[in-house]
Protein backbone atom coordinates (compact mmCIF):
# COMPACT_ATOMS: atom_id res chain seq x y z
CA MET A 1 0.00 -0.02 0.00
CA LYS A 2 2.77 2.38 0.93
CA ARG A 3 4.50 1.70 -2.40
CA GLU A 4 1.28 2.46 -4.30
CA LEU A 5 0.82 5.69 -2.40
CA ARG A 6 4.49 6.73 -3.24
CA ILE A 7 3.87 6.07 -6.91
CA PHE A 8 0.67 8.02 -6.84
CA ALA A 9 2.37 10.99 -5.00
CA ILE A 10 5.09 10.94 -7.75
CA ILE A 11 2.53 10.90 -10.57
CA ALA A 12 0.43 13.66 -8.88
CA GLY A 13 3.48 15.75 -8.32
CA VAL A 14 4.64 15.59 -11.94
CA PHE A 15 1.12 16.41 -13.09
CA LEU A 16 0.80 19.44 -10.81
CA PHE A 17 4.26 20.62 -11.95
CA ALA A 18 3.33 20.36 -15.69
CA TYR A 19 -0.11 21.84 -15.11
CA LEU A 20 0.72 24.75 -12.82
CA VAL A 21 4.26 25.93 -13.58
CA PRO A 22 4.12 28.99 -15.88
CA PHE A 23 6.65 27.91 -18.50
CA SER A 24 6.03 31.05 -20.57
CA SER A 25 7.61 33.05 -17.85
CA SER A 26 11.26 34.12 -18.63
CA THR A 27 12.09 33.63 -14.93
CA VAL A 28 10.88 30.03 -14.92
CA ARG A 29 12.65 29.30 -18.23
CA SER A 30 15.80 30.73 -16.84
CA ALA A 31 15.49 28.64 -13.71
CA ILE A 32 14.98 25.44 -15.64
CA MET A 33 18.10 26.15 -17.76
CA GLU A 34 20.03 26.96 -14.47
CA ALA A 35 19.02 23.56 -13.23
CA PHE A 36 20.54 21.76 -16.16
CA TYR A 37 23.54 24.02 -16.26
CA MET A 38 24.16 23.13 -12.52
CA VAL A 39 23.85 19.43 -13.17
CA GLN A 40 26.29 19.65 -16.08
CA GLU A 41 28.72 21.71 -13.97
CA TYR A 42 28.49 19.13 -11.15
CA ALA A 43 28.93 16.29 -13.58
CA GLN A 44 32.00 17.94 -15.23
CA GLN A 45 33.75 18.97 -12.00
CA HIS A 46 32.73 16.44 -9.34
CA VAL A 47 31.62 13.03 -10.56
CA LEU A 48 34.66 11.52 -12.17
CA LEU A 49 37.42 12.85 -9.75
CA CYS A 50 35.41 13.09 -6.53
CA LEU A 51 32.33 10.73 -6.47
CA VAL A 52 33.77 7.72 -8.36
CA PRO A 53 36.78 7.37 -6.00
CA ALA A 54 34.56 7.86 -3.03
CA PHE A 55 32.14 5.09 -4.21
CA PHE A 56 35.13 2.68 -4.61
CA ILE A 57 36.35 3.61 -1.08
CA ALA A 58 32.86 3.08 0.33
CA GLY A 59 32.64 -0.28 -1.49
CA ALA A 60 36.03 -1.31 0.01
CA ILE A 61 34.91 -0.33 3.48
CA ALA A 62 31.80 -2.49 3.11
CA VAL A 63 33.63 -5.53 1.72
CA PHE A 64 37.11 -5.62 3.26
CA ILE A 65 36.82 -3.88 6.69
CA SER A 66 35.31 -6.11 9.22
CA GLN A 67 32.25 -4.94 11.11
CA ALA A 68 33.95 -5.68 14.37
CA SER A 69 36.77 -3.21 13.61
CA VAL A 70 34.31 -0.48 12.74
CA ILE A 71 32.27 -1.07 15.92
CA LYS A 72 35.48 -1.15 18.04
CA TYR A 73 36.56 2.29 16.94
CA LEU A 74 33.38 4.09 15.80
CA GLY A 75 30.53 2.11 17.43
CA GLY A 76 28.23 3.60 19.94
CA ASN A 77 29.93 1.84 22.82
CA ALA A 78 33.44 2.77 21.88
CA ARG A 79 35.36 5.31 23.87
CA LYS A 80 33.89 8.77 22.96
CA VAL A 81 37.32 10.38 22.74
CA VAL A 82 38.39 7.69 20.19
CA ALA A 83 35.13 7.40 18.24
CA TYR A 84 34.59 11.13 17.80
CA GLY A 85 38.25 11.89 17.32
CA VAL A 86 38.55 9.26 14.56
CA GLY A 87 35.31 10.37 13.00
CA SER A 88 36.06 14.16 12.88
CA ILE A 89 39.69 13.91 12.03
CA SER A 90 39.28 11.30 9.30
CA GLY A 91 36.58 13.41 7.77
CA ALA A 92 38.63 16.56 7.89
CA ILE A 93 41.66 14.87 6.15
CA LEU A 94 39.48 14.23 3.03
CA ALA A 95 38.43 17.93 2.76
CA VAL A 96 35.68 17.04 0.20
CA CYS A 97 32.27 18.76 -0.60
CA SER A 98 28.99 17.99 1.06
CA CYS A 99 28.14 15.41 -1.62
CA THR A 100 31.40 13.56 -2.05
CA ILE A 101 31.43 12.65 1.67
CA LEU A 102 28.05 10.83 1.38
CA PRO A 103 29.24 7.49 -0.01
CA LEU A 104 31.92 7.31 2.66
CA PHE A 105 29.46 8.20 5.40
CA ALA A 106 26.95 5.58 4.10
CA GLY A 107 29.80 2.95 4.07
CA ILE A 108 30.94 3.40 7.67
CA TYR A 109 27.35 3.83 9.07
CA LYS A 110 26.06 0.74 7.40
CA ARG A 111 29.13 -1.20 8.62
CA GLY A 112 28.34 -0.57 12.24
CA ALA A 113 29.60 2.97 13.15
CA GLY A 114 27.61 4.72 15.86
CA LEU A 115 25.29 7.46 14.67
CA GLY A 116 27.16 10.09 16.56
CA PRO A 117 30.73 9.27 15.23
CA ALA A 118 29.20 8.81 11.75
CA ILE A 119 27.56 12.34 11.95
CA ALA A 120 30.88 13.68 13.13
CA PHE A 121 32.48 12.28 10.05
CA LEU A 122 29.64 13.53 7.73
CA TYR A 123 29.91 17.11 9.06
CA SER A 124 33.74 17.35 9.36
CA GLY A 125 34.48 16.39 5.78
CA PRO A 126 33.09 19.44 3.94
CA ALA A 127 33.13 21.87 7.01
CA ILE A 128 36.68 21.49 8.22
CA ASN A 129 38.35 22.13 4.79
CA ILE A 130 41.80 23.40 5.69
CA LEU A 131 42.28 25.42 2.45
CA ALA A 132 38.79 26.85 2.69
CA ILE A 133 39.53 27.96 6.26
CA ILE A 134 42.90 29.56 5.27
CA LEU A 135 41.30 31.44 2.35
CA THR A 136 38.50 32.53 4.61
CA GLY A 137 40.95 34.24 6.86
CA ARG A 138 42.88 35.83 4.03
CA ILE A 139 39.82 37.11 2.30
CA LEU A 140 37.43 37.87 5.04
CA GLY A 141 39.81 38.48 7.90
CA PHE A 142 41.60 36.49 10.60
CA GLU A 143 38.54 36.71 12.90
CA PHE A 144 36.36 34.93 10.33
CA GLY A 145 38.93 32.16 9.57
CA LEU A 146 39.44 31.47 13.27
CA ALA A 147 35.78 31.56 14.04
CA ARG A 148 34.99 29.17 11.12
CA ALA A 149 37.66 26.74 12.21
CA LEU A 150 36.67 26.59 15.87
CA GLY A 151 32.97 26.51 15.05
CA ALA A 152 33.37 23.71 12.48
CA ILE A 153 35.44 21.51 14.83
CA PHE A 154 33.16 22.12 17.79
CA PHE A 155 30.02 21.41 15.70
CA ALA A 156 31.46 18.09 14.43
CA VAL A 157 31.62 16.76 17.95
CA VAL A 158 28.58 18.42 19.56
CA ILE A 159 26.11 17.67 16.76
CA GLY A 160 27.33 14.00 16.66
CA LEU A 161 26.84 13.83 20.50
CA ALA A 162 23.44 15.31 20.22
CA MET A 163 22.32 12.90 17.49
CA GLN A 164 23.58 9.96 19.48
CA PHE A 165 21.68 11.20 22.51
CA LEU A 166 18.45 11.91 20.64
CA PHE A 167 18.29 8.36 19.06
CA ARG A 168 20.07 6.51 21.79
CA LYS A 169 17.36 3.81 22.07
CA GLU A 170 17.52 2.95 18.38
CA GLU A 171 21.37 3.12 18.39
CA ALA A 172 21.50 0.76 21.53
CA LYS A 173 19.37 -1.79 19.61
CA LYS A 174 21.59 -1.50 16.54
CA GLN A 175 24.70 -2.02 18.57
CA ALA A 176 23.23 -4.92 20.49
CA ALA A 177 22.25 -6.63 17.23
CA ALA A 178 25.74 -6.03 15.89
CA MET A 179 27.37 -7.57 18.98
CA VAL A 180 25.34 -10.81 18.67
CA ALA A 181 26.05 -11.22 14.99
CA PRO A 182 28.19 -14.18 14.07
CA ILE A 183 31.95 -13.48 14.18
CA PRO A 184 33.33 -13.64 10.70
CA GLU A 185 36.13 -15.99 9.75
CA GLU A 186 39.65 -14.65 9.99
CA GLY A 187 40.39 -12.76 6.90
CA LYS A 188 43.43 -10.93 5.59
CA PRO A 189 45.83 -9.15 7.99
CA ILE A 190 44.68 -5.67 8.86
CA TRP A 191 47.62 -4.12 6.96
CA LYS A 192 46.52 -5.83 3.83
CA ILE A 193 43.30 -3.92 4.21
CA ALA A 194 44.44 -0.60 5.55
CA ILE A 195 47.09 -0.07 2.83
CA PRO A 196 44.71 -0.37 -0.17
CA VAL A 197 42.03 1.84 1.60
CA ALA A 198 44.78 4.45 2.40
CA LEU A 199 45.92 4.42 -1.23
CA MET A 200 42.36 4.99 -2.43
CA VAL A 201 42.04 7.99 -0.03
CA LEU A 202 45.37 9.29 -1.41
CA VAL A 203 44.04 9.03 -4.95
CA LEU A 204 40.89 10.90 -3.92
CA VAL A 205 42.89 13.68 -2.08
CA SER A 206 45.73 14.03 -4.73
CA ALA A 207 43.34 14.20 -7.77
CA ASN A 208 41.19 16.83 -6.01
CA TRP A 209 44.06 18.92 -4.56
CA GLY A 210 42.85 22.47 -4.24
CA LYS A 211 44.18 25.27 -6.39
CA PRO A 212 46.86 27.45 -4.66
CA GLY A 213 45.56 30.69 -3.16
CA SER A 214 48.11 33.19 -4.53
CA LEU A 215 48.26 33.75 -8.21
CA SER A 216 49.10 36.19 -11.00
CA VAL A 217 46.79 36.54 -13.99
CA VAL A 218 47.86 37.83 -17.34
CA THR A 219 45.02 39.32 -19.28
CA THR A 220 44.56 39.38 -22.99
CA THR A 221 45.46 43.10 -22.89
CA GLY A 222 48.89 42.23 -21.34
CA GLU A 223 48.03 43.45 -17.88
CA THR A 224 49.31 41.31 -14.90
CA ILE A 225 47.04 41.03 -11.90
CA ILE A 226 48.60 39.60 -8.59
CA ALA A 227 45.85 38.52 -6.25
CA THR A 228 44.34 35.83 -3.87
CA ARG A 229 42.09 33.33 -5.57
CA ALA A 230 38.62 33.45 -4.02
CA GLY A 231 36.79 30.96 -6.17
CA GLU A 232 35.79 30.05 -9.74
CA THR A 233 32.81 29.59 -11.90
CA SER A 234 32.50 28.08 -15.28
CA GLU A 235 32.84 31.49 -16.83
CA ALA A 236 35.13 33.47 -14.47
CA VAL A 237 37.89 33.39 -11.95
CA LEU A 238 37.10 35.24 -8.73
CA VAL A 239 40.04 37.01 -6.96
CA LYS A 240 40.72 39.39 -4.11
CA LEU A 241 43.18 42.25 -4.98
CA PRO A 242 45.62 43.36 -2.27
CA GLU A 243 44.20 46.86 -2.15
CA SER A 244 40.56 45.84 -2.23
CA ASP A 245 38.20 44.41 0.36
CA SER A 246 35.83 43.00 -2.27
CA ILE A 247 36.18 40.21 -4.74
CA THR A 248 36.84 41.01 -8.36
CA THR A 249 35.53 38.89 -11.22
CA ILE A 250 37.83 38.27 -14.20
CA GLU A 251 36.14 36.55 -17.25
CA LYS A 252 38.00 33.51 -18.44
CA SER A 253 37.63 34.97 -22.01
CA GLU A 254 39.87 37.84 -20.85
CA ILE A 255 42.52 35.62 -19.38
CA GLU A 256 45.71 34.86 -21.30
CA SER A 257 47.35 32.73 -18.63
CA ILE A 258 47.31 32.10 -14.87
CA GLU A 259 50.43 31.32 -12.87
CA TYR A 260 50.39 30.30 -9.25
CA ALA A 261 52.94 31.39 -6.65
CA ARG A 262 55.74 28.96 -6.30
CA SER A 263 55.52 26.80 -3.22
CA PHE A 264 55.49 23.13 -2.21
CA TYR A 265 51.65 23.27 -2.23
CA THR A 266 51.76 24.58 -5.88
CA SER A 267 54.18 21.81 -6.88
CA ILE A 268 51.68 19.22 -5.54
CA TYR A 269 48.89 20.86 -7.40
CA ASN A 270 50.79 20.92 -10.74
CA SER A 271 51.66 17.30 -10.38
CA ARG A 272 48.45 16.12 -8.76
CA PHE A 273 47.32 13.83 -11.65
CA TYR A 274 50.74 12.24 -11.80
CA ILE A 275 50.78 11.72 -8.14
CA ALA A 276 47.21 10.25 -8.21
CA GLY A 277 48.32 7.97 -11.03
CA VAL A 278 51.31 6.67 -8.99
CA TRP A 279 49.00 5.82 -6.05
CA LEU A 280 46.50 4.22 -8.48
CA LEU A 281 49.22 2.12 -10.02
CA ILE A 282 50.45 0.84 -6.74
CA LEU A 283 46.83 0.14 -5.61
CA SER A 284 46.28 -1.87 -8.79
CA VAL A 285 49.42 -4.02 -8.29
CA LEU A 286 48.52 -4.67 -4.71
CA MET A 287 44.91 -5.60 -5.51
CA ILE A 288 46.12 -8.10 -8.10
CA CYS A 289 48.64 -9.60 -5.77
CA TRP A 290 46.61 -9.73 -2.59
CA TYR A 291 42.96 -10.15 -3.67
CA SER A 292 41.13 -12.83 -5.74
CA LYS A 293 38.85 -12.30 -8.69
CA ASP A 294 35.82 -13.16 -6.50
CA GLU A 295 36.88 -10.52 -3.93
CA GLY A 296 37.31 -8.04 -6.73
CA LYS A 297 33.89 -8.80 -8.11
CA GLU A 298 32.38 -8.34 -4.54
CA TRP A 299 34.16 -4.98 -4.23
CA GLY A 300 32.75 -3.89 -7.63
CA GLY A 301 29.27 -5.03 -6.67
CA SER A 302 29.38 -3.14 -3.46
CA THR A 303 30.66 0.02 -5.17
CA TRP A 304 27.82 -0.23 -7.76
CA SER A 305 25.30 -0.60 -4.92
CA TYR A 306 26.45 2.60 -3.43
CA ALA A 307 26.25 4.40 -6.83
CA LYS A 308 22.72 3.24 -7.35
CA LEU A 309 21.73 4.30 -3.81
CA ILE A 310 23.23 7.83 -3.97
CA LEU A 311 23.41 9.07 -7.54
CA PRO A 312 19.67 9.30 -8.39
CA TYR A 313 19.01 11.42 -5.34
CA LEU A 314 22.12 13.45 -5.71
CA PHE A 315 21.41 14.42 -9.39
CA GLY A 316 17.74 15.07 -8.47
CA GLY A 317 18.78 17.26 -5.58
CA VAL A 318 21.26 19.23 -7.77
CA LEU A 319 18.48 19.78 -10.35
CA ILE A 320 16.13 21.15 -7.71
CA ALA A 321 18.78 23.29 -6.11
CA GLY A 322 19.73 24.63 -9.47
CA PHE A 323 16.13 25.37 -10.32
CA LEU A 324 15.47 27.24 -7.12
CA LEU A 325 18.76 29.00 -6.25
CA GLY A 326 20.97 28.64 -9.36
CA ARG A 327 24.86 28.71 -9.69
CA PRO A 328 26.93 31.33 -8.11
CA GLY A 329 26.43 34.63 -9.87
CA HIS A 330 23.40 33.45 -11.72
CA THR A 331 19.68 34.09 -11.08
CA ALA A 332 17.13 31.24 -10.83
CA LEU A 333 13.63 31.09 -9.43
CA ILE A 334 14.43 32.70 -6.10
CA PRO A 335 16.05 36.06 -6.63
CA PRO A 336 19.29 36.67 -4.73
CA GLU A 337 17.89 39.96 -3.51
CA TRP A 338 15.37 38.10 -1.42
CA ILE A 339 18.14 36.42 0.44
CA SER A 340 20.49 39.40 0.68
CA GLY A 341 17.57 41.53 1.98
CA ALA A 342 16.78 39.12 4.82
CA VAL A 343 20.29 38.70 6.24
CA GLY A 344 21.25 42.24 7.15
CA GLY A 345 22.17 43.23 10.70
CA ASN A 346 22.58 40.60 13.46
CA SER A 347 19.01 39.78 14.49
CA TRP A 348 17.94 36.21 15.28
CA MET A 349 15.93 36.11 12.19
CA SER A 350 18.77 37.26 9.87
CA ASN A 351 21.04 34.59 11.33
CA PHE A 352 18.36 31.94 11.01
CA VAL A 353 17.68 32.91 7.37
CA ALA A 354 21.42 32.72 6.63
CA SER A 355 21.70 29.38 8.22
CA LEU A 356 18.71 27.94 6.52
CA ALA A 357 19.66 29.42 3.05
CA GLY A 358 23.20 28.05 3.43
CA ALA A 359 21.79 24.59 4.38
CA LEU A 360 19.61 24.46 1.19
CA MET A 361 22.18 25.88 -1.31
CA TYR A 362 24.78 23.68 -2.94
CA PHE A 363 28.31 24.86 -2.52
CA ALA A 364 31.15 23.34 -4.53
CA THR A 365 34.44 23.55 -2.58
CA LEU A 366 35.39 27.25 -2.00
CA THR A 367 32.47 28.75 -3.96
CA GLU A 368 30.94 29.84 -0.58
CA LEU A 369 33.38 32.83 -0.36
CA PRO A 370 32.40 34.72 -3.55
CA ILE A 371 28.74 34.12 -2.69
CA LEU A 372 29.39 35.48 0.81
CA GLN A 373 31.21 38.46 -0.45
CA GLY A 374 28.37 39.39 -2.81
CA LEU A 375 25.94 39.08 0.10
CA MET A 376 28.10 41.08 2.47
CA GLY A 377 28.43 43.75 -0.25
CA SER A 378 24.63 43.83 -0.28
CA GLY A 379 24.44 44.46 3.47
CA MET A 380 24.80 40.98 5.06
CA GLY A 381 25.95 41.15 8.69
CA ASP A 382 29.02 39.51 10.11
CA GLY A 383 26.99 37.06 12.31
CA PRO A 384 24.79 35.80 9.38
CA ALA A 385 27.90 35.51 7.21
CA LEU A 386 29.50 33.09 9.78
CA ALA A 387 26.16 31.23 10.13
CA LEU A 388 26.16 30.69 6.39
CA LEU A 389 29.78 29.55 6.41
CA LEU A 390 29.09 26.95 9.12
CA ALA A 391 25.81 25.60 7.68
CA GLY A 392 26.51 25.93 3.91
CA PRO A 393 29.50 23.70 3.05
CA ALA A 394 28.25 20.80 5.30
CA LEU A 395 24.64 20.74 4.06
CA SER A 396 22.88 21.06 0.72
CA LEU A 397 19.55 20.01 -0.71
CA PRO A 398 21.07 17.13 -2.71
CA ASN A 399 23.02 16.17 0.44
CA MET A 400 19.79 16.08 2.52
CA LEU A 401 18.00 13.75 0.07
CA VAL A 402 20.78 11.25 0.17
CA ILE A 403 21.13 11.41 4.00
CA ARG A 404 17.38 10.69 4.18
CA LYS A 405 17.83 7.57 2.07
CA VAL A 406 20.50 6.33 4.54
CA LEU A 407 19.13 7.48 7.86
CA GLY A 408 15.50 8.04 7.34
CA THR A 409 13.31 11.17 7.60
CA LYS A 410 13.43 11.60 11.38
CA LYS A 411 17.08 11.52 11.76
CA THR A 412 17.78 13.70 8.65
CA LEU A 413 15.40 16.36 9.88
CA ALA A 414 17.09 16.14 13.36
CA TYR A 415 20.57 16.56 11.74
CA VAL A 416 19.49 19.53 9.56
CA ALA A 417 17.76 21.18 12.40
CA LEU A 418 20.86 20.85 14.78
CA VAL A 419 23.14 22.19 12.14
CA VAL A 420 20.81 25.32 11.46
CA ILE A 421 20.27 25.89 15.13
CA ALA A 422 23.99 25.69 16.02
CA ALA A 423 24.97 27.88 13.07
CA THR A 424 22.26 30.45 14.06
CA LEU A 425 23.41 30.55 17.71
CA THR A 426 27.12 30.82 16.71
CA GLY A 427 26.36 33.57 14.25
CA LYS A 428 24.35 35.61 16.67
CA LEU A 429 27.24 35.27 19.22
CA PHE A 430 29.89 36.22 16.68
CA GLY A 431 27.88 39.21 15.42
CA SER A 432 27.47 40.50 18.91
CA LEU A 433 31.20 40.28 19.54
CA ALA A 434 32.33 41.65 16.17
């Protein structure tokens, strides 16, 4: 009966959309195109280098890492210092966006991790992005960078603890069922599992190494601009000039070349695909030597199951987010002026609106900074700006749809509410002190 009601709801929703939406409106047509542009941009920039490696890592966790090991270090009965430390630190090391973290989160949670440590991992990956925090300090000021770093680390643990407490009865049943499960036969030594998983993480991190912050741009007119990179869209590079407090947009059609400041970080960035290729080659050799064809097939099957679980909801969420809010610098169904007009000052409402808007919007890595600069230029207060920084990178509409598929509606709503409330409170406090 539930299945039939779900099918009816989908059919009714499609009918009402087709019947009621005014497609003749230029705003609606623009929003529809923004939805598809956003999906295309997401597919081009995130699927192959971010999501595909993440799916393989999640598949490896499900197949090769024993449930007992996951429960020992991340289970609900594990020592909190260990569980939440491992959850938050391992998520922060990856420094991925709110969507790339999803397969990894689903992998450890389904394998027996407690809800709290898994949530700490889910939040910390996109929120505690070292490069993003450094650029936040350079572009918005040291106070913003420090507040973002401390707030994100604090949130990862507190929200995880709150989720574990709210659903403690369900989690206790889950852990009890896991403890009475039959003990699997002795498999491979732990190092034969840890090394391939670590190599897959290195492939993911290396291939997605962030662009350096300091750069010089040579325009087609021969002008050289030395600045700090603040983000990038499909049409432009966004920079902060040394003598300016605002972000300047340089169209890619006007750029002759870009050169990044020489540093060890830049050397890694320039060689990132070669480095990722070396890790991938070593991984391939070890998998051939250490694992059988049947184990390889099981790994592939697990990877495919995560792809089927996550991708439909992810692309659907990106479509909806693009239709409603559009890409950075582009207008969709909801005008940016509505948001910028509601986040001025430091009232409770402005902080709440900033947190909620950040939670719904999709931010690719580092795109939150130019969006924030534009909003602050339109009158956004310091408190709401920090609230958006704390809620935005860790949540998005696509992210919520996938989390709901993994955790269910009740836990997803609780997680979103905790992030929004915590971001609102922190923003209000920061705005009062700034």
